[in-house]
Structure formats: C-alpha cells, structure tokens
C-alpha cells in the first residue's frame, strides 16, 4: 500500500528573512502568515487527511492547527522529529551578523561535513525525519499524512528520496506555506510534487 506524505513548511512569521529563528520558541505567524495558513488549510481540506504531525515550534503548530481545523482532524501530534535544525549558537542571530561569520559561510557551502556550533549536522536532521516517515509508512491506517516542519528539514527529506547529497539543498526552494508531496510503498519512495505554493 502507498502512504502519501504532504511535507508542509510553516507559514511566514513577520521577521522571515531577517534573522535565523531556529528553535526560538515564541516566533508566531505574522498577519501574512496567518493568511497563508488559511489558504493552505483550504487547499489541504480536499485531501482526506488521516493525521497531522508538527514540529514543536509555535509557527509550525499554528500552521498545523489551521490545517486540522479545516480538515476535521481533532488532534495534531507534536514530534521532535520535525523540529527545526538545531542551529545552536546561531539561533536568533540576524543574517547580517551570520554573514560576517566565516563558519556560517562554510556551513552553507558544505553542510554534509559541518556541524552548527553547539547544534546538529544536516545528516542528523535527515535521519530523524526519514525515521519518522518510515515509522508512519508502516501504519496501515494512515494513508495520507501531513508533516508540518521547516524548509531545511523538508529539503533533507527530498534530497534523501531523490538520492541527492545534503549539500544539494540550495538547488531548489521550499517556500513558506508550501506543500511538497512524497509517496512511499513497498517499491520505495518518490517525490510527486515540489514546493507547491497555494495562491
């Protein structure tokens, strides 16, 4: 049997693109993000979703809650497997500050070999999301599953399924409130759509 996973990036917060939110816990959706989440929820309500899982970050939980309300799902499961990358000492810093840090430049050019200071590697991230996908794929009752997470986390899953190195993360976009669909079965896994943006 096939399990379809909707990999959803959380909607936008007000400071998107200005600082590295990382695992800062109190970053909520902004007004634009709330509008995105509502459009996303309307789109996902057509999919007959069985279950929804979300990162423990507030912006992800708020996005997941909108989808759940529109889809008639009573409960969103929160899991650390979908959490944002642990950027360690970089979390909460502005990109202006980060771009002056040589280590940040090295991290972005070869993430397969680097660890965020006090944080994790992208291979750590890839392992946890793929373990979750494998576990959920074994549950026969969950045929359509929504996973609400973060851009880099979704990118590691897509890279794994496509057989790309984690360093290929810059070759495609995962926009706020976007949907990327992957399917798994006894035959393996494949990417069905990438970075669908709901108008």
N, C-alpha and C. Protein backbone atom coordinates (compact mmCIF):
# COMPACT_ATOMS: atom_id res chain seq x y z
N UNK A 1 0.83 -1.20 0.00
CA UNK A 1 0.00 0.00 0.00
C UNK A 1 0.87 1.26 0.00
N UNK A 2 0.32 2.30 -0.53
CA UNK A 2 1.05 3.57 -0.64
C UNK A 2 0.64 4.53 0.47
N UNK A 3 1.62 5.18 1.06
CA UNK A 3 1.36 6.26 2.01
C UNK A 3 1.83 7.56 1.37
N UNK A 4 0.97 8.55 1.40
CA UNK A 4 1.29 9.85 0.82
C UNK A 4 1.57 10.84 1.95
N UNK A 5 2.70 11.50 1.87
CA UNK A 5 3.10 12.49 2.87
C UNK A 5 3.09 13.88 2.25
N UNK A 6 2.38 14.78 2.89
CA UNK A 6 2.37 16.18 2.49
C UNK A 6 3.35 16.92 3.40
N UNK A 7 4.51 17.27 2.86
CA UNK A 7 5.54 17.95 3.63
C UNK A 7 5.27 19.45 3.52
N UNK A 8 4.78 20.02 4.60
CA UNK A 8 4.32 21.40 4.60
C UNK A 8 5.29 22.27 5.39
N UNK A 9 5.78 23.31 4.76
CA UNK A 9 6.57 24.28 5.51
C UNK A 9 5.60 25.23 6.22
N UNK A 10 5.92 25.58 7.46
CA UNK A 10 5.08 26.53 8.19
C UNK A 10 4.93 27.83 7.41
N UNK A 11 3.85 28.54 7.68
CA UNK A 11 3.61 29.84 7.06
C UNK A 11 4.58 30.88 7.64
N UNK A 12 4.55 32.08 7.09
CA UNK A 12 5.57 33.09 7.38
C UNK A 12 5.36 33.78 8.73
N UNK A 13 6.47 34.10 9.37
CA UNK A 13 6.45 34.99 10.53
C UNK A 13 6.90 36.38 10.06
N UNK A 14 6.72 37.37 10.89
CA UNK A 14 6.95 38.76 10.47
C UNK A 14 8.40 39.07 10.14
N UNK A 15 9.34 38.34 10.74
CA UNK A 15 10.76 38.64 10.52
C UNK A 15 11.44 37.64 9.59
N UNK A 16 10.65 36.97 8.78
CA UNK A 16 11.19 35.99 7.85
C UNK A 16 12.23 36.64 6.95
N UNK A 17 13.41 36.04 6.87
CA UNK A 17 14.48 36.56 6.02
C UNK A 17 15.38 37.56 6.70
N UNK A 18 15.03 38.00 7.93
CA UNK A 18 15.85 38.96 8.65
C UNK A 18 16.73 38.34 9.71
N UNK A 19 16.23 37.25 10.32
CA UNK A 19 17.03 36.58 11.34
C UNK A 19 16.77 35.09 11.29
N UNK A 20 17.68 34.33 11.88
CA UNK A 20 17.58 32.88 11.90
C UNK A 20 16.74 32.48 13.12
N UNK A 21 15.47 32.22 12.89
CA UNK A 21 14.58 31.90 14.01
C UNK A 21 15.01 30.63 14.72
N UNK A 22 15.43 29.62 13.95
CA UNK A 22 15.89 28.38 14.56
C UNK A 22 14.87 27.81 15.53
N UNK A 23 15.36 27.46 16.71
CA UNK A 23 14.48 26.86 17.71
C UNK A 23 13.96 27.88 18.73
N UNK A 24 14.02 29.15 18.37
CA UNK A 24 13.38 30.16 19.22
C UNK A 24 11.91 29.81 19.31
N UNK A 25 11.41 29.63 20.53
CA UNK A 25 10.10 29.00 20.72
C UNK A 25 8.92 29.95 20.55
N UNK A 26 9.12 31.25 20.65
CA UNK A 26 7.99 32.17 20.68
C UNK A 26 7.78 32.91 19.37
N UNK A 27 8.26 32.37 18.26
CA UNK A 27 8.09 33.01 16.96
C UNK A 27 6.75 32.55 16.38
N UNK A 28 5.79 33.47 16.36
CA UNK A 28 4.45 33.17 15.86
C UNK A 28 4.30 33.61 14.41
N UNK A 29 3.22 33.15 13.79
CA UNK A 29 2.90 33.60 12.44
C UNK A 29 2.56 35.08 12.46
N UNK A 30 2.97 35.79 11.42
CA UNK A 30 2.58 37.18 11.26
C UNK A 30 1.24 37.25 10.54
N UNK A 31 0.78 38.45 10.24
CA UNK A 31 -0.52 38.60 9.58
C UNK A 31 -0.51 37.94 8.20
N UNK A 32 0.60 38.11 7.46
CA UNK A 32 0.72 37.45 6.16
C UNK A 32 0.72 35.94 6.34
N UNK A 33 1.41 35.46 7.36
CA UNK A 33 1.48 34.04 7.62
C UNK A 33 0.13 33.44 8.00
N UNK A 34 -0.66 34.18 8.76
CA UNK A 34 -1.99 33.68 9.11
C UNK A 34 -2.87 33.55 7.86
N UNK A 35 -2.75 34.52 6.96
CA UNK A 35 -3.49 34.44 5.70
C UNK A 35 -3.01 33.23 4.88
N UNK A 36 -1.70 33.03 4.83
CA UNK A 36 -1.14 31.87 4.12
C UNK A 36 -1.67 30.57 4.71
N UNK A 37 -1.68 30.49 6.04
CA UNK A 37 -2.13 29.27 6.72
C UNK A 37 -3.59 28.97 6.41
N UNK A 38 -4.42 30.00 6.31
CA UNK A 38 -5.83 29.79 6.00
C UNK A 38 -6.00 29.28 4.56
N UNK A 39 -5.25 29.85 3.63
CA UNK A 39 -5.32 29.37 2.23
C UNK A 39 -4.80 27.94 2.13
N UNK A 40 -3.73 27.68 2.84
CA UNK A 40 -3.15 26.33 2.88
C UNK A 40 -4.16 25.34 3.45
N UNK A 41 -4.84 25.73 4.53
CA UNK A 41 -5.83 24.86 5.17
C UNK A 41 -6.97 24.53 4.22
N UNK A 42 -7.43 25.54 3.46
CA UNK A 42 -8.50 25.31 2.49
C UNK A 42 -8.05 24.33 1.42
N UNK A 43 -6.81 24.48 0.96
CA UNK A 43 -6.25 23.56 -0.04
C UNK A 43 -6.15 22.14 0.52
N UNK A 44 -5.68 21.99 1.74
CA UNK A 44 -5.47 20.66 2.32
C UNK A 44 -6.77 19.97 2.69
N UNK A 45 -7.84 20.73 2.88
CA UNK A 45 -9.13 20.14 3.26
C UNK A 45 -9.67 19.22 2.16
N UNK A 46 -9.16 19.33 0.95
CA UNK A 46 -9.61 18.48 -0.16
C UNK A 46 -8.94 17.11 -0.16
N UNK A 47 -8.00 16.88 0.73
CA UNK A 47 -7.13 15.71 0.61
C UNK A 47 -7.51 14.49 1.47
N UNK A 48 -8.56 14.57 2.25
CA UNK A 48 -8.96 13.44 3.10
C UNK A 48 -7.79 12.96 3.97
N UNK A 49 -7.25 13.89 4.74
CA UNK A 49 -6.07 13.64 5.57
C UNK A 49 -6.42 12.70 6.73
N UNK A 50 -5.53 11.77 7.02
CA UNK A 50 -5.74 10.85 8.15
C UNK A 50 -5.15 11.40 9.44
N UNK A 51 -4.00 12.07 9.35
CA UNK A 51 -3.33 12.55 10.56
C UNK A 51 -2.39 13.69 10.22
N UNK A 52 -2.08 14.47 11.26
CA UNK A 52 -1.20 15.63 11.10
C UNK A 52 -0.15 15.60 12.21
N UNK A 53 1.09 15.79 11.82
CA UNK A 53 2.21 15.87 12.76
C UNK A 53 2.91 17.20 12.55
N UNK A 54 3.41 17.78 13.64
CA UNK A 54 4.02 19.10 13.54
C UNK A 54 5.28 19.21 14.39
N UNK A 55 6.16 20.06 13.94
CA UNK A 55 7.31 20.50 14.73
C UNK A 55 6.80 21.20 16.00
N UNK A 56 7.57 21.16 17.10
CA UNK A 56 7.14 21.83 18.32
C UNK A 56 7.31 23.35 18.30
N UNK A 57 7.81 23.93 17.21
CA UNK A 57 7.92 25.39 17.14
C UNK A 57 6.52 26.01 16.95
N UNK A 58 6.31 27.14 17.58
CA UNK A 58 4.98 27.76 17.59
C UNK A 58 4.46 28.03 16.18
N UNK A 59 5.33 28.51 15.29
CA UNK A 59 4.89 28.82 13.93
C UNK A 59 4.41 27.58 13.18
N UNK A 60 5.02 26.43 13.49
CA UNK A 60 4.58 25.17 12.87
C UNK A 60 3.27 24.70 13.49
N UNK A 61 3.16 24.80 14.80
CA UNK A 61 1.93 24.37 15.47
C UNK A 61 0.74 25.20 15.02
N UNK A 62 0.94 26.50 14.83
CA UNK A 62 -0.16 27.36 14.38
C UNK A 62 -0.59 27.00 12.95
N UNK A 63 0.38 26.71 12.10
CA UNK A 63 0.07 26.28 10.73
C UNK A 63 -0.68 24.96 10.74
N UNK A 64 -0.20 24.02 11.55
CA UNK A 64 -0.85 22.71 11.64
C UNK A 64 -2.27 22.82 12.19
N UNK A 65 -2.48 23.71 13.15
CA UNK A 65 -3.80 23.88 13.75
C UNK A 65 -4.81 24.37 12.72
N UNK A 66 -4.37 25.26 11.83
CA UNK A 66 -5.27 25.76 10.78
C UNK A 66 -5.67 24.62 9.84
N UNK A 67 -4.71 23.78 9.47
CA UNK A 67 -4.99 22.64 8.60
C UNK A 67 -5.94 21.67 9.29
N UNK A 68 -5.67 21.39 10.56
CA UNK A 68 -6.51 20.45 11.32
C UNK A 68 -7.95 20.94 11.40
N UNK A 69 -8.14 22.23 11.66
CA UNK A 69 -9.49 22.78 11.77
C UNK A 69 -10.26 22.64 10.47
N UNK A 70 -9.60 22.90 9.35
CA UNK A 70 -10.26 22.82 8.05
C UNK A 70 -10.50 21.39 7.61
N UNK A 71 -9.68 20.45 8.10
CA UNK A 71 -9.77 19.05 7.68
C UNK A 71 -10.54 18.17 8.66
N UNK A 72 -11.01 18.76 9.76
CA UNK A 72 -11.76 17.98 10.74
C UNK A 72 -10.91 17.00 11.52
N UNK A 73 -9.64 17.33 11.68
CA UNK A 73 -8.73 16.48 12.47
C UNK A 73 -8.75 17.00 13.90
N UNK A 74 -9.07 16.13 14.84
CA UNK A 74 -9.25 16.56 16.23
C UNK A 74 -7.94 16.89 16.92
N UNK A 75 -6.86 16.25 16.52
CA UNK A 75 -5.63 16.39 17.27
C UNK A 75 -4.42 16.43 16.35
N UNK A 76 -3.51 17.35 16.63
CA UNK A 76 -2.22 17.41 15.94
C UNK A 76 -1.17 16.80 16.85
N UNK A 77 -0.41 15.86 16.33
CA UNK A 77 0.68 15.25 17.09
C UNK A 77 1.93 16.10 16.93
N UNK A 78 2.53 16.49 18.05
CA UNK A 78 3.79 17.23 18.01
C UNK A 78 4.95 16.26 18.17
N UNK A 79 5.97 16.40 17.32
CA UNK A 79 7.11 15.49 17.39
C UNK A 79 8.42 16.22 17.15
N UNK A 80 9.42 15.88 17.94
CA UNK A 80 10.75 16.47 17.78
C UNK A 80 11.41 16.07 16.47
N UNK A 81 10.92 15.01 15.85
CA UNK A 81 11.49 14.56 14.57
C UNK A 81 11.33 15.60 13.48
N UNK A 82 10.33 16.49 13.64
CA UNK A 82 10.08 17.54 12.65
C UNK A 82 10.60 18.90 13.09
N UNK A 83 11.29 18.94 14.22
CA UNK A 83 11.77 20.22 14.75
C UNK A 83 12.75 20.88 13.78
N UNK A 84 12.85 22.19 13.92
CA UNK A 84 13.81 22.96 13.13
C UNK A 84 15.22 22.43 13.38
N UNK A 85 16.12 22.68 12.45
CA UNK A 85 17.53 22.36 12.65
C UNK A 85 17.99 23.00 13.95
N UNK A 86 18.75 22.26 14.74
CA UNK A 86 19.35 22.85 15.94
C UNK A 86 20.58 23.63 15.48
N UNK A 87 20.40 24.93 15.34
CA UNK A 87 21.50 25.79 14.89
C UNK A 87 22.40 26.22 16.04
N UNK A 88 22.14 25.75 17.24
CA UNK A 88 23.00 26.05 18.37
C UNK A 88 23.15 27.54 18.60
N UNK A 89 24.40 27.99 18.66
CA UNK A 89 24.72 29.39 18.98
C UNK A 89 24.23 30.37 17.91
N UNK A 90 23.89 29.88 16.73
CA UNK A 90 23.43 30.77 15.66
C UNK A 90 21.96 31.16 15.80
N UNK A 91 21.17 30.38 16.53
CA UNK A 91 19.74 30.65 16.62
C UNK A 91 19.47 32.06 17.15
N UNK A 92 18.58 32.76 16.49
CA UNK A 92 18.18 34.10 16.91
C UNK A 92 19.05 35.22 16.38
N UNK A 93 20.16 34.90 15.71
CA UNK A 93 21.04 35.94 15.19
C UNK A 93 20.52 36.45 13.84
N UNK A 94 20.79 37.71 13.55
CA UNK A 94 20.40 38.26 12.26
C UNK A 94 21.31 37.71 11.18
N UNK A 95 20.80 37.71 9.95
CA UNK A 95 21.63 37.23 8.85
C UNK A 95 22.79 38.18 8.57
N UNK A 96 22.65 39.43 8.92
CA UNK A 96 23.76 40.37 8.80
C UNK A 96 24.93 39.93 9.66
N UNK A 97 24.64 39.52 10.89
CA UNK A 97 25.68 39.02 11.79
C UNK A 97 26.23 37.69 11.29
N UNK A 98 25.34 36.80 10.89
CA UNK A 98 25.77 35.47 10.44
C UNK A 98 26.64 35.54 9.20
N UNK A 99 26.32 36.42 8.28
CA UNK A 99 27.08 36.51 7.04
C UNK A 99 28.51 37.01 7.26
N UNK A 100 28.77 37.61 8.43
CA UNK A 100 30.13 38.04 8.76
C UNK A 100 30.92 36.93 9.46
N UNK A 101 30.30 35.80 9.72
CA UNK A 101 30.93 34.68 10.41
C UNK A 101 31.44 33.67 9.37
N UNK A 102 32.76 33.47 9.26
CA UNK A 102 33.30 32.53 8.27
C UNK A 102 32.75 31.11 8.41
N UNK A 103 32.47 30.71 9.66
CA UNK A 103 31.94 29.36 9.89
C UNK A 103 30.55 29.21 9.27
N UNK A 104 29.76 30.27 9.30
CA UNK A 104 28.45 30.25 8.66
C UNK A 104 28.59 30.03 7.16
N UNK A 105 29.57 30.70 6.57
CA UNK A 105 29.82 30.51 5.14
C UNK A 105 30.22 29.08 4.82
N UNK A 106 31.07 28.50 5.65
CA UNK A 106 31.48 27.11 5.44
C UNK A 106 30.30 26.16 5.60
N UNK A 107 29.46 26.42 6.61
CA UNK A 107 28.28 25.60 6.85
C UNK A 107 27.39 25.57 5.60
N UNK A 108 27.19 26.71 4.98
CA UNK A 108 26.30 26.79 3.84
C UNK A 108 26.89 26.23 2.56
N UNK A 109 28.20 26.10 2.49
CA UNK A 109 28.83 25.55 1.29
C UNK A 109 29.05 24.05 1.38
N UNK A 110 29.14 23.50 2.59
CA UNK A 110 29.34 22.05 2.73
C UNK A 110 28.71 21.53 4.01
N UNK A 111 27.38 21.56 4.02
CA UNK A 111 26.64 21.13 5.21
C UNK A 111 26.83 19.65 5.52
N UNK A 112 27.22 18.87 4.53
CA UNK A 112 27.43 17.44 4.77
C UNK A 112 28.59 17.18 5.72
N UNK A 113 29.49 18.15 5.86
CA UNK A 113 30.68 17.95 6.70
C UNK A 113 30.70 18.84 7.93
N UNK A 114 29.71 19.72 8.07
CA UNK A 114 29.76 20.71 9.14
C UNK A 114 28.68 20.47 10.18
N UNK A 115 28.98 20.92 11.39
CA UNK A 115 28.00 20.91 12.48
C UNK A 115 27.80 22.34 12.95
N UNK A 116 26.56 22.74 13.12
CA UNK A 116 26.30 24.06 13.68
C UNK A 116 26.91 24.13 15.07
N UNK A 117 27.49 25.27 15.49
CA UNK A 117 28.17 25.35 16.79
C UNK A 117 27.20 25.08 17.94
N UNK A 118 27.42 23.96 18.61
CA UNK A 118 26.53 23.57 19.70
C UNK A 118 25.24 22.95 19.20
N UNK A 119 25.16 22.67 17.91
CA UNK A 119 23.94 22.15 17.32
C UNK A 119 24.13 20.80 16.65
N UNK A 120 23.44 20.60 15.53
CA UNK A 120 23.47 19.29 14.87
C UNK A 120 23.91 19.41 13.42
N UNK A 121 24.17 18.27 12.80
CA UNK A 121 24.53 18.21 11.39
C UNK A 121 23.26 18.01 10.56
N UNK A 122 23.35 18.27 9.28
CA UNK A 122 22.20 18.03 8.41
C UNK A 122 21.93 16.54 8.26
N UNK A 123 22.93 15.71 8.43
CA UNK A 123 22.69 14.26 8.40
C UNK A 123 21.89 13.83 9.63
N UNK A 124 22.11 14.49 10.77
CA UNK A 124 21.27 14.24 11.95
C UNK A 124 19.81 14.57 11.64
N UNK A 125 19.62 15.71 11.00
CA UNK A 125 18.27 16.17 10.65
C UNK A 125 17.62 15.18 9.69
N UNK A 126 18.36 14.80 8.67
CA UNK A 126 17.83 13.87 7.67
C UNK A 126 17.44 12.54 8.30
N UNK A 127 18.26 12.07 9.21
CA UNK A 127 17.98 10.79 9.87
C UNK A 127 16.68 10.83 10.64
N UNK A 128 16.44 11.91 11.37
CA UNK A 128 15.24 11.94 12.21
C UNK A 128 13.95 12.07 11.39
N UNK A 129 13.97 12.87 10.32
CA UNK A 129 12.73 12.97 9.54
C UNK A 129 12.48 11.70 8.73
N UNK A 130 13.53 11.07 8.21
CA UNK A 130 13.32 9.84 7.45
C UNK A 130 12.91 8.68 8.36
N UNK A 131 13.40 8.66 9.58
CA UNK A 131 12.94 7.64 10.55
C UNK A 131 11.45 7.81 10.82
N UNK A 132 11.00 9.06 10.96
CA UNK A 132 9.58 9.31 11.19
C UNK A 132 8.75 8.85 9.99
N UNK A 133 9.18 9.21 8.79
CA UNK A 133 8.46 8.81 7.59
C UNK A 133 8.37 7.30 7.49
N UNK A 134 9.47 6.60 7.78
CA UNK A 134 9.47 5.14 7.72
C UNK A 134 8.51 4.54 8.75
N UNK A 135 8.52 5.11 9.94
CA UNK A 135 7.63 4.61 11.00
C UNK A 135 6.16 4.81 10.64
N UNK A 136 5.82 5.99 10.16
CA UNK A 136 4.43 6.28 9.82
C UNK A 136 3.97 5.49 8.61
N UNK A 137 4.87 5.20 7.69
CA UNK A 137 4.51 4.44 6.49
C UNK A 137 4.09 3.02 6.84
N UNK A 138 4.52 2.52 8.00
CA UNK A 138 4.17 1.16 8.41
C UNK A 138 2.77 1.08 9.03
N UNK A 139 2.15 2.22 9.31
CA UNK A 139 0.83 2.24 9.94
C UNK A 139 -0.24 2.23 8.85
N UNK A 140 -0.90 1.12 8.71
CA UNK A 140 -1.85 0.94 7.61
C UNK A 140 -3.00 1.94 7.64
N UNK A 141 -3.32 2.46 8.85
CA UNK A 141 -4.47 3.35 8.94
C UNK A 141 -4.17 4.77 8.46
N UNK A 142 -2.90 5.10 8.34
CA UNK A 142 -2.50 6.46 7.94
C UNK A 142 -2.04 6.45 6.49
N UNK A 143 -2.95 6.70 5.56
CA UNK A 143 -2.59 6.68 4.15
C UNK A 143 -2.24 8.05 3.61
N UNK A 144 -2.79 9.12 4.22
CA UNK A 144 -2.44 10.48 3.84
C UNK A 144 -2.07 11.23 5.11
N UNK A 145 -0.83 11.65 5.18
CA UNK A 145 -0.29 12.23 6.40
C UNK A 145 0.32 13.58 6.10
N UNK A 146 0.01 14.57 6.94
CA UNK A 146 0.61 15.90 6.82
C UNK A 146 1.73 16.02 7.84
N UNK A 147 2.89 16.48 7.39
CA UNK A 147 4.03 16.74 8.26
C UNK A 147 4.37 18.22 8.14
N UNK A 148 4.13 19.00 9.20
CA UNK A 148 4.40 20.43 9.17
C UNK A 148 5.76 20.68 9.82
N UNK A 149 6.68 21.22 9.03
CA UNK A 149 8.05 21.37 9.51
C UNK A 149 8.66 22.65 8.97
N UNK A 150 9.95 22.60 8.68
CA UNK A 150 10.75 23.78 8.32
C UNK A 150 11.49 23.51 7.01
N UNK A 151 11.90 24.57 6.34
CA UNK A 151 12.47 24.45 4.99
C UNK A 151 13.63 23.46 4.93
N UNK A 152 14.63 23.64 5.78
CA UNK A 152 15.81 22.79 5.70
C UNK A 152 15.51 21.34 6.05
N UNK A 153 14.56 21.13 6.95
CA UNK A 153 14.19 19.77 7.33
C UNK A 153 13.52 19.08 6.15
N UNK A 154 12.59 19.77 5.50
CA UNK A 154 11.93 19.22 4.32
C UNK A 154 12.94 18.97 3.20
N UNK A 155 13.87 19.89 3.04
CA UNK A 155 14.89 19.72 1.99
C UNK A 155 15.72 18.45 2.20
N UNK A 156 16.05 18.13 3.45
CA UNK A 156 16.85 16.91 3.68
C UNK A 156 16.08 15.67 3.29
N UNK A 157 14.76 15.67 3.54
CA UNK A 157 13.94 14.51 3.16
C UNK A 157 13.87 14.38 1.65
N UNK A 158 13.64 15.50 0.95
CA UNK A 158 13.58 15.49 -0.51
C UNK A 158 14.90 15.02 -1.09
N UNK A 159 16.00 15.54 -0.57
CA UNK A 159 17.32 15.12 -1.05
C UNK A 159 17.51 13.61 -0.88
N UNK A 160 17.12 13.09 0.27
CA UNK A 160 17.28 11.65 0.52
C UNK A 160 16.48 10.83 -0.50
N UNK A 161 15.22 11.19 -0.70
CA UNK A 161 14.36 10.43 -1.60
C UNK A 161 14.85 10.51 -3.03
N UNK A 162 15.40 11.65 -3.43
CA UNK A 162 15.91 11.82 -4.80
C UNK A 162 17.34 11.30 -4.97
N UNK A 163 17.95 10.83 -3.88
CA UNK A 163 19.31 10.33 -3.97
C UNK A 163 20.35 11.43 -4.14
N UNK A 164 20.03 12.62 -3.63
CA UNK A 164 20.95 13.75 -3.71
C UNK A 164 21.69 13.92 -2.39
N UNK A 165 22.91 14.47 -2.42
CA UNK A 165 23.60 14.78 -1.17
C UNK A 165 22.91 15.91 -0.44
N UNK A 166 23.11 16.00 0.86
CA UNK A 166 22.51 17.10 1.62
C UNK A 166 23.00 18.45 1.14
N UNK A 167 24.18 18.50 0.52
CA UNK A 167 24.71 19.75 0.01
C UNK A 167 23.92 20.28 -1.20
N UNK A 168 22.96 19.50 -1.71
CA UNK A 168 22.14 19.95 -2.83
C UNK A 168 20.97 20.82 -2.37
N UNK A 169 20.95 21.19 -1.10
CA UNK A 169 19.82 21.94 -0.54
C UNK A 169 19.56 23.27 -1.24
N UNK A 170 20.59 23.86 -1.84
CA UNK A 170 20.41 25.17 -2.49
C UNK A 170 19.85 25.06 -3.91
N UNK A 171 19.67 23.84 -4.41
CA UNK A 171 19.23 23.67 -5.80
C UNK A 171 17.72 23.78 -5.99
N UNK A 172 16.97 23.85 -4.90
CA UNK A 172 15.52 24.01 -5.02
C UNK A 172 15.00 24.78 -3.82
N UNK A 173 13.81 25.35 -3.97
CA UNK A 173 13.21 26.17 -2.92
C UNK A 173 12.10 25.42 -2.20
N UNK A 174 11.94 25.73 -0.93
CA UNK A 174 10.79 25.31 -0.13
C UNK A 174 10.25 26.58 0.51
N UNK A 175 9.23 27.15 -0.08
CA UNK A 175 8.71 28.45 0.34
C UNK A 175 7.81 28.32 1.57
N UNK A 176 7.62 29.41 2.31
CA UNK A 176 6.67 29.37 3.42
C UNK A 176 5.28 28.94 2.93
N UNK A 177 4.63 28.10 3.72
CA UNK A 177 3.27 27.60 3.43
C UNK A 177 3.21 26.78 2.14
N UNK A 178 4.34 26.22 1.72
CA UNK A 178 4.36 25.39 0.52
C UNK A 178 4.10 23.93 0.88
N UNK A 179 3.72 23.17 -0.14
CA UNK A 179 3.46 21.74 0.00
C UNK A 179 4.36 20.97 -0.96
N UNK A 180 5.07 19.99 -0.44
CA UNK A 180 5.81 19.05 -1.27
C UNK A 180 5.28 17.66 -0.94
N UNK A 181 4.96 16.89 -1.95
CA UNK A 181 4.30 15.60 -1.73
C UNK A 181 5.24 14.47 -2.10
N UNK A 182 5.38 13.53 -1.16
CA UNK A 182 6.17 12.32 -1.42
C UNK A 182 5.29 11.10 -1.13
N UNK A 183 5.57 10.03 -1.81
CA UNK A 183 4.82 8.79 -1.61
C UNK A 183 5.80 7.66 -1.32
N UNK A 184 5.37 6.75 -0.44
CA UNK A 184 6.18 5.59 -0.10
C UNK A 184 5.35 4.33 -0.24
N UNK A 185 6.03 3.23 -0.54
CA UNK A 185 5.37 1.94 -0.66
C UNK A 185 6.41 0.85 -0.65
N UNK A 186 5.99 -0.38 -0.90
CA UNK A 186 6.93 -1.49 -0.94
C UNK A 186 7.96 -1.31 -2.05
N UNK A 187 7.63 -0.47 -3.02
CA UNK A 187 8.50 -0.21 -4.16
C UNK A 187 9.55 0.85 -3.86
N UNK A 188 9.44 1.54 -2.71
CA UNK A 188 10.40 2.58 -2.35
C UNK A 188 9.71 3.89 -2.06
N UNK A 189 10.32 4.99 -2.49
CA UNK A 189 9.76 6.32 -2.25
C UNK A 189 10.04 7.21 -3.45
N UNK A 190 9.14 8.15 -3.69
CA UNK A 190 9.35 9.09 -4.79
C UNK A 190 8.72 10.43 -4.46
N UNK A 191 9.25 11.47 -5.08
CA UNK A 191 8.71 12.82 -4.94
C UNK A 191 7.65 13.03 -6.02
N UNK A 192 6.44 13.41 -5.62
CA UNK A 192 5.35 13.63 -6.55
C UNK A 192 5.25 15.10 -6.98
N UNK A 193 5.36 16.01 -6.01
CA UNK A 193 5.35 17.43 -6.31
C UNK A 193 6.34 18.13 -5.39
N UNK A 194 6.80 19.30 -5.83
CA UNK A 194 7.80 20.03 -5.04
C UNK A 194 7.41 21.50 -4.96
N UNK A 195 7.33 22.00 -3.72
CA UNK A 195 7.17 23.44 -3.48
C UNK A 195 5.91 24.02 -4.12
N UNK A 196 4.79 23.32 -3.95
CA UNK A 196 3.52 23.89 -4.40
C UNK A 196 3.14 25.08 -3.51
N UNK A 197 2.89 26.20 -4.12
CA UNK A 197 2.51 27.39 -3.37
C UNK A 197 1.04 27.67 -3.64
N UNK A 198 0.26 27.74 -2.58
CA UNK A 198 -1.19 27.94 -2.71
C UNK A 198 -1.44 29.42 -3.01
N UNK A 199 -2.15 29.74 -4.09
CA UNK A 199 -2.38 31.14 -4.45
C UNK A 199 -3.38 31.81 -3.50
